[in-house]
Amino acid sequence: MVEVRKIKAGIVQMRCGDNTTENMVRTMAAIRRAAANGANMVCLQELFRSRYFCVSEDYTPFAMAEAIPGPATEALQSLAGELGVVIVASLFEKRTEGLYHNSAIVIDADGTYLGKYRKMHIPDDPSFYEKFYFTPGDLGFRAFKTRFGTVGVLVCWDQWYPEAARLTALMGAEILFYPTAIGWAEGEDPQVCRDQFNAWQTIQRAHAIANGIPVVSVNRVGKEGNILFWGGSFSADTLGEMIYQAPQDKEDVAVFEIDLGRSDTTRRHWPFLRDRRIDAYDGLTRRFLDSDL
């Protein structure tokens, strides 16, 4: 018998302004809207409390960082408990003086803070100067047992690494959330834009297929600095088929159904976990397999 375990996932795709308090208020209103439409789990975009400050290297944004748990975590805990929803949220974490992380928290539907994941892969590209702000994560890959299923969380640049998705799935994740902030450089060639967007979706849909778990990716939208964040938040099922895709040019609060029970059926027919050659992957722990070594 095929087990049916349907949940309703909610996404909040937003533009962010300079006022962090206003961004927080708008986000919490959007979570309420998603819950009113039946969401059991709601995922927010990367660094939802502020504009994406990593477009430049500037010491000023460090003042926005806070401890985890801290005020933002506590506000989301209260809201999750009130609404009975799981919340996945990305925050700028101040661990101690001079030590900061790009972290994601998971709050259960009763308001319990379950823990955090610290972004492991930190980019350093034009207008994405994250290495200036964030120390790479040191908590490893994690999965969190919630009322509605076991949640895995990775953050933005992590989404390009199949090893991260695999290890999170091996931790028992039944669904994989990616809070994200990704976009095009202003004036980019339209074909390059299409190619980048398609690659972004394809790699995450491939993670869903390879691991037999659904994926939900939540991006911000709108122009910030010289970056046009391309929205397009989406979800793919265990076969990589699209469940939902948000618009690329406007805000969106959406709720859609995901059957967590499909993973078992998918993995029976495509038993990738069974057939992994775990005895043959030592090379993955090396930067490159140099021929002269």
Protein backbone atom coordinates (compact mmCIF):
# COMPACT_ATOMS: atom_id res chain seq x y z
CA MET A 1 0.00 0.00 0.00
CA VAL A 2 1.27 3.47 -0.90
CA GLU A 3 1.41 5.79 2.10
CA VAL A 4 -0.19 9.18 1.56
CA ARG A 5 1.23 11.94 3.75
CA LYS A 6 0.09 15.20 2.27
CA ILE A 7 1.20 18.53 3.66
CA LYS A 8 0.62 22.05 2.41
CA ALA A 9 3.75 24.10 1.93
CA GLY A 10 3.70 27.88 1.85
CA ILE A 11 6.24 30.25 0.33
CA VAL A 12 6.75 33.97 0.87
CA GLN A 13 8.47 35.71 -2.06
CA MET A 14 8.94 39.41 -1.28
CA ARG A 15 10.61 42.67 -2.13
CA CYS A 16 12.58 44.05 0.80
CA GLY A 17 13.06 47.68 1.77
CA ASP A 18 15.54 49.50 3.99
CA ASN A 19 13.37 49.33 7.11
CA THR A 20 13.95 45.98 8.84
CA THR A 21 10.97 46.44 11.15
CA GLU A 22 8.65 47.00 8.21
CA ASN A 23 10.09 43.96 6.41
CA MET A 24 9.42 41.86 9.51
CA VAL A 25 5.85 43.11 9.83
CA ARG A 26 5.13 42.42 6.16
CA THR A 27 6.67 38.95 6.40
CA MET A 28 4.62 38.01 9.44
CA ALA A 29 1.46 39.19 7.69
CA ALA A 30 2.40 37.01 4.71
CA ILE A 31 2.89 33.99 7.00
CA ARG A 32 -0.59 34.61 8.42
CA ARG A 33 -1.97 34.72 4.89
CA ALA A 34 -0.29 31.43 4.00
CA ALA A 35 -1.60 29.80 7.18
CA ALA A 36 -5.11 31.07 6.46
CA ASN A 37 -4.85 29.33 3.09
CA GLY A 38 -4.00 26.03 4.77
CA ALA A 39 -0.20 25.99 4.93
CA ASN A 40 1.38 23.54 7.41
CA MET A 41 4.96 24.64 6.65
CA VAL A 42 6.04 28.11 5.54
CA CYS A 43 9.48 28.95 4.15
CA LEU A 44 10.87 32.48 3.83
CA GLN A 45 13.51 33.82 1.45
CA GLU A 46 17.17 34.23 2.39
CA LEU A 47 17.87 37.14 4.80
CA PHE A 48 14.24 38.24 4.67
CA ARG A 49 14.59 40.98 7.31
CA SER A 50 16.63 43.29 5.10
CA ARG A 51 17.75 44.16 1.64
CA TYR A 52 20.50 41.89 0.32
CA PHE A 53 23.39 43.87 1.75
CA CYS A 54 26.07 41.59 0.25
CA VAL A 55 25.96 43.56 -3.01
CA SER A 56 28.89 45.49 -1.51
CA GLU A 57 31.44 45.25 1.28
CA ASP A 58 30.32 47.60 4.05
CA TYR A 59 30.65 47.36 7.82
CA THR A 60 27.26 49.00 8.48
CA PRO A 61 25.06 45.88 7.95
CA PHE A 62 26.78 44.02 10.80
CA ALA A 63 24.62 46.08 13.16
CA MET A 64 21.55 44.18 11.88
CA ALA A 65 22.84 40.78 12.98
CA GLU A 66 21.40 39.19 16.09
CA ALA A 67 21.79 36.14 18.27
CA ILE A 68 19.90 32.94 17.50
CA PRO A 69 17.65 32.53 19.37
CA GLY A 70 17.02 36.26 19.60
CA PRO A 71 14.23 38.78 18.97
CA ALA A 72 13.39 37.63 15.42
CA THR A 73 13.44 33.96 16.42
CA GLU A 74 11.18 34.67 19.40
CA ALA A 75 8.70 36.65 17.28
CA LEU A 76 8.49 33.79 14.77
CA GLN A 77 8.15 31.25 17.59
CA SER A 78 5.14 33.11 18.91
CA LEU A 79 3.58 33.30 15.46
CA ALA A 80 4.22 29.63 14.67
CA GLY A 81 2.61 28.55 17.94
CA GLU A 82 -0.38 30.81 17.38
CA LEU A 83 -0.98 29.60 13.81
CA GLY A 84 0.10 25.96 14.23
CA VAL A 85 2.58 26.10 11.35
CA VAL A 86 6.22 25.12 10.91
CA ILE A 87 8.38 28.11 9.92
CA VAL A 88 11.73 27.99 8.11
CA ALA A 89 13.48 31.36 8.24
CA SER A 90 16.88 32.73 7.22
CA LEU A 91 18.63 35.16 9.60
CA PHE A 92 21.89 37.10 9.88
CA GLU A 93 23.36 35.48 12.99
CA LYS A 94 25.74 37.19 15.40
CA ARG A 95 27.45 34.30 17.15
CA THR A 96 29.79 36.52 19.15
CA GLU A 97 31.74 39.72 18.61
CA GLY A 98 33.31 39.57 15.15
CA LEU A 99 31.82 36.17 14.22
CA TYR A 100 28.76 36.04 11.98
CA HIS A 101 26.84 33.41 10.05
CA ASN A 102 24.15 33.19 7.39
CA SER A 103 21.82 30.84 9.26
CA ALA A 104 18.39 29.26 8.91
CA ILE A 105 16.14 28.36 11.81
CA VAL A 106 13.35 25.81 12.03
CA ILE A 107 10.42 26.40 14.38
CA ASP A 108 7.87 23.68 15.03
CA ALA A 109 4.12 24.15 14.82
CA ASP A 110 3.83 24.55 18.61
CA GLY A 111 6.36 27.37 18.61
CA THR A 112 9.32 25.27 19.72
CA TYR A 113 12.68 26.38 18.39
CA LEU A 114 14.17 23.18 16.94
CA GLY A 115 17.57 24.49 15.95
CA LYS A 116 19.55 26.17 13.21
CA TYR A 117 21.58 25.36 10.14
CA ARG A 118 24.55 27.55 9.26
CA LYS A 119 25.13 28.04 5.54
CA MET A 120 28.08 25.88 4.53
CA HIS A 121 28.96 27.22 1.08
CA ILE A 122 29.73 30.95 1.05
CA PRO A 123 30.06 32.69 -2.34
CA ASP A 124 32.34 35.56 -3.26
CA ASP A 125 31.23 36.84 -6.65
CA PRO A 126 30.58 40.34 -8.00
CA SER A 127 27.59 41.74 -6.02
CA PHE A 128 27.50 38.59 -3.88
CA TYR A 129 30.31 39.39 -1.46
CA GLU A 130 29.19 37.02 1.27
CA LYS A 131 32.66 35.99 2.44
CA PHE A 132 33.09 39.53 3.78
CA TYR A 133 30.13 38.97 6.14
CA PHE A 134 29.70 35.28 6.87
CA THR A 135 31.84 32.57 8.39
CA PRO A 136 31.18 29.15 6.77
CA GLY A 137 28.85 26.93 8.77
CA ASP A 138 30.28 24.50 11.29
CA LEU A 139 27.18 22.55 12.34
CA GLY A 140 27.21 20.19 9.38
CA PHE A 141 24.10 19.22 7.47
CA ARG A 142 20.97 18.81 9.53
CA ALA A 143 17.40 17.52 9.50
CA PHE A 144 14.70 18.61 11.94
CA LYS A 145 11.72 16.51 13.03
CA THR A 146 8.58 18.65 13.01
CA ARG A 147 4.90 17.95 13.56
CA PHE A 148 4.34 17.58 9.82
CA GLY A 149 7.52 15.84 8.69
CA THR A 150 11.31 15.89 8.86
CA VAL A 151 12.65 19.09 7.35
CA GLY A 152 16.05 19.63 5.73
CA VAL A 153 17.30 23.17 5.16
CA LEU A 154 20.09 24.45 2.93
CA VAL A 155 20.69 28.08 1.98
CA CYS A 156 21.09 29.58 -1.51
CA TRP A 157 24.65 28.83 -2.74
CA ASP A 158 24.31 25.41 -1.08
CA GLN A 159 21.77 24.55 -3.77
CA TRP A 160 24.48 24.07 -6.40
CA TYR A 161 26.17 21.26 -4.47
CA PRO A 162 24.72 17.74 -4.82
CA GLU A 163 26.79 16.61 -1.83
CA ALA A 164 24.83 18.97 0.44
CA ALA A 165 21.45 17.70 -0.73
CA ARG A 166 22.60 14.08 -0.45
CA LEU A 167 23.95 14.41 3.07
CA THR A 168 20.81 16.23 4.22
CA ALA A 169 18.67 13.48 2.73
CA LEU A 170 20.83 10.87 4.46
CA MET A 171 20.09 12.66 7.74
CA GLY A 172 16.45 11.69 7.20
CA ALA A 173 15.04 14.83 5.58
CA GLU A 174 11.67 14.20 3.93
CA ILE A 175 11.50 17.62 2.29
CA LEU A 176 14.27 20.06 1.40
CA PHE A 177 13.87 23.83 1.73
CA TYR A 178 16.21 26.38 0.13
CA PRO A 179 15.84 30.00 1.33
CA THR A 180 17.47 31.91 -1.54
CA ALA A 181 18.62 35.30 -2.84
CA ILE A 182 19.69 35.02 -6.47
CA GLY A 183 19.35 37.27 -9.47
CA TRP A 184 20.83 38.73 -12.62
CA ALA A 185 23.25 41.60 -12.98
CA GLU A 186 21.57 44.70 -14.37
CA GLY A 187 21.90 44.80 -18.15
CA GLU A 188 22.70 41.09 -18.48
CA ASP A 189 22.12 39.52 -21.90
CA PRO A 190 18.55 38.07 -21.99
CA GLN A 191 19.74 34.68 -23.22
CA VAL A 192 22.27 34.48 -20.39
CA CYS A 193 19.46 35.32 -17.96
CA ARG A 194 17.31 32.49 -19.31
CA ASP A 195 20.22 30.06 -19.18
CA GLN A 196 21.04 30.97 -15.58
CA PHE A 197 17.44 30.68 -14.42
CA ASN A 198 17.01 27.31 -16.13
CA ALA A 199 20.25 25.99 -14.64
CA TRP A 200 19.15 27.15 -11.18
CA GLN A 201 15.90 25.22 -11.44
CA THR A 202 17.44 22.19 -13.10
CA ILE A 203 20.08 21.57 -10.43
CA GLN A 204 17.48 21.65 -7.65
CA ARG A 205 15.02 19.48 -9.54
CA ALA A 206 17.90 17.03 -9.98
CA HIS A 207 18.42 17.00 -6.20
CA ALA A 208 14.77 16.03 -5.79
CA ILE A 209 15.17 13.16 -8.26
CA ALA A 210 18.52 11.91 -6.97
CA ASN A 211 17.32 11.83 -3.37
CA GLY A 212 13.66 11.00 -3.86
CA ILE A 213 12.43 13.95 -1.79
CA PRO A 214 10.50 17.10 -2.74
CA VAL A 215 12.33 20.42 -2.97
CA VAL A 216 11.05 23.92 -2.20
CA SER A 217 13.16 26.93 -3.21
CA VAL A 218 12.14 30.43 -2.08
CA ASN A 219 13.76 33.47 -3.71
CA ARG A 220 13.37 37.21 -3.21
CA VAL A 221 12.21 39.49 -6.01
CA GLY A 222 12.88 43.04 -7.19
CA LYS A 223 15.86 45.28 -7.92
CA GLU A 224 18.47 45.90 -5.22
CA GLY A 225 21.64 47.71 -6.19
CA ASN A 226 22.64 46.39 -9.58
CA ILE A 227 20.99 43.00 -9.00
CA LEU A 228 17.53 42.09 -10.30
CA PHE A 229 16.38 39.23 -8.09
CA TRP A 230 14.51 36.89 -10.36
CA GLY A 231 11.83 35.50 -8.01
CA GLY A 232 10.56 32.29 -9.59
CA SER A 233 10.27 30.45 -6.28
CA PHE A 234 9.22 26.89 -6.98
CA SER A 235 8.67 23.36 -5.76
CA ALA A 236 9.46 20.07 -7.47
CA ASP A 237 8.30 16.58 -6.52
CA THR A 238 10.31 13.38 -6.16
CA LEU A 239 10.41 12.93 -9.95
CA GLY A 240 11.54 16.50 -10.51
CA GLU A 241 8.13 17.53 -11.84
CA MET A 242 7.08 21.08 -11.07
CA ILE A 243 4.46 21.43 -8.36
CA TYR A 244 4.42 25.23 -8.36
CA GLN A 245 6.33 28.19 -9.76
CA ALA A 246 5.94 31.79 -8.62
CA PRO A 247 6.13 34.79 -10.96
CA GLN A 248 9.56 36.19 -11.70
CA ASP A 249 8.59 39.85 -11.46
CA LYS A 250 6.30 40.27 -8.45
CA GLU A 251 5.70 39.25 -4.85
CA ASP A 252 3.89 36.03 -4.15
CA VAL A 253 2.43 34.17 -1.18
CA ALA A 254 1.46 30.71 -2.33
CA VAL A 255 0.32 27.43 -0.78
CA PHE A 256 0.50 24.09 -2.57
CA GLU A 257 0.10 20.42 -1.69
CA ILE A 258 3.06 18.05 -1.40
CA ASP A 259 2.76 14.31 -0.76
CA LEU A 260 5.66 13.25 1.45
CA GLY A 261 4.51 9.65 1.07
CA ARG A 262 5.67 9.55 -2.57
CA SER A 263 9.31 9.26 -1.50
CA ASP A 264 9.00 5.59 -0.64
CA THR A 265 7.38 4.74 -3.97
CA THR A 266 9.97 6.76 -5.90
CA ARG A 267 12.87 5.16 -4.05
CA ARG A 268 11.49 1.65 -4.64
CA HIS A 269 11.43 2.22 -8.40
CA TRP A 270 14.64 4.26 -8.50
CA PRO A 271 16.69 2.74 -5.66
CA PHE A 272 19.60 5.17 -5.83
CA LEU A 273 20.22 4.97 -2.09
CA ARG A 274 20.36 1.17 -2.26
CA ASP A 275 22.85 1.12 -5.11
CA ARG A 276 25.25 3.80 -3.88
CA ARG A 277 28.84 2.55 -3.83
CA ILE A 278 29.75 4.01 -0.47
CA ASP A 279 33.03 2.06 -0.59
CA ALA A 280 34.17 3.98 -3.69
CA TYR A 281 33.61 7.66 -2.88
CA ASP A 282 36.73 8.54 -0.90
CA GLY A 283 37.79 10.95 -3.63
CA LEU A 284 34.89 13.27 -2.78
CA THR A 285 36.77 14.46 0.28
CA ARG A 286 39.60 15.82 -1.90
CA ARG A 287 39.61 19.18 -3.69
CA PHE A 288 40.72 17.60 -6.98
CA LEU A 289 42.03 14.18 -8.01
CA ASP A 290 45.41 15.27 -9.31
CA SER A 291 46.95 12.75 -11.70
CA ASP A 292 50.48 13.30 -10.40
CA LEU A 293 49.75 12.28 -6.82
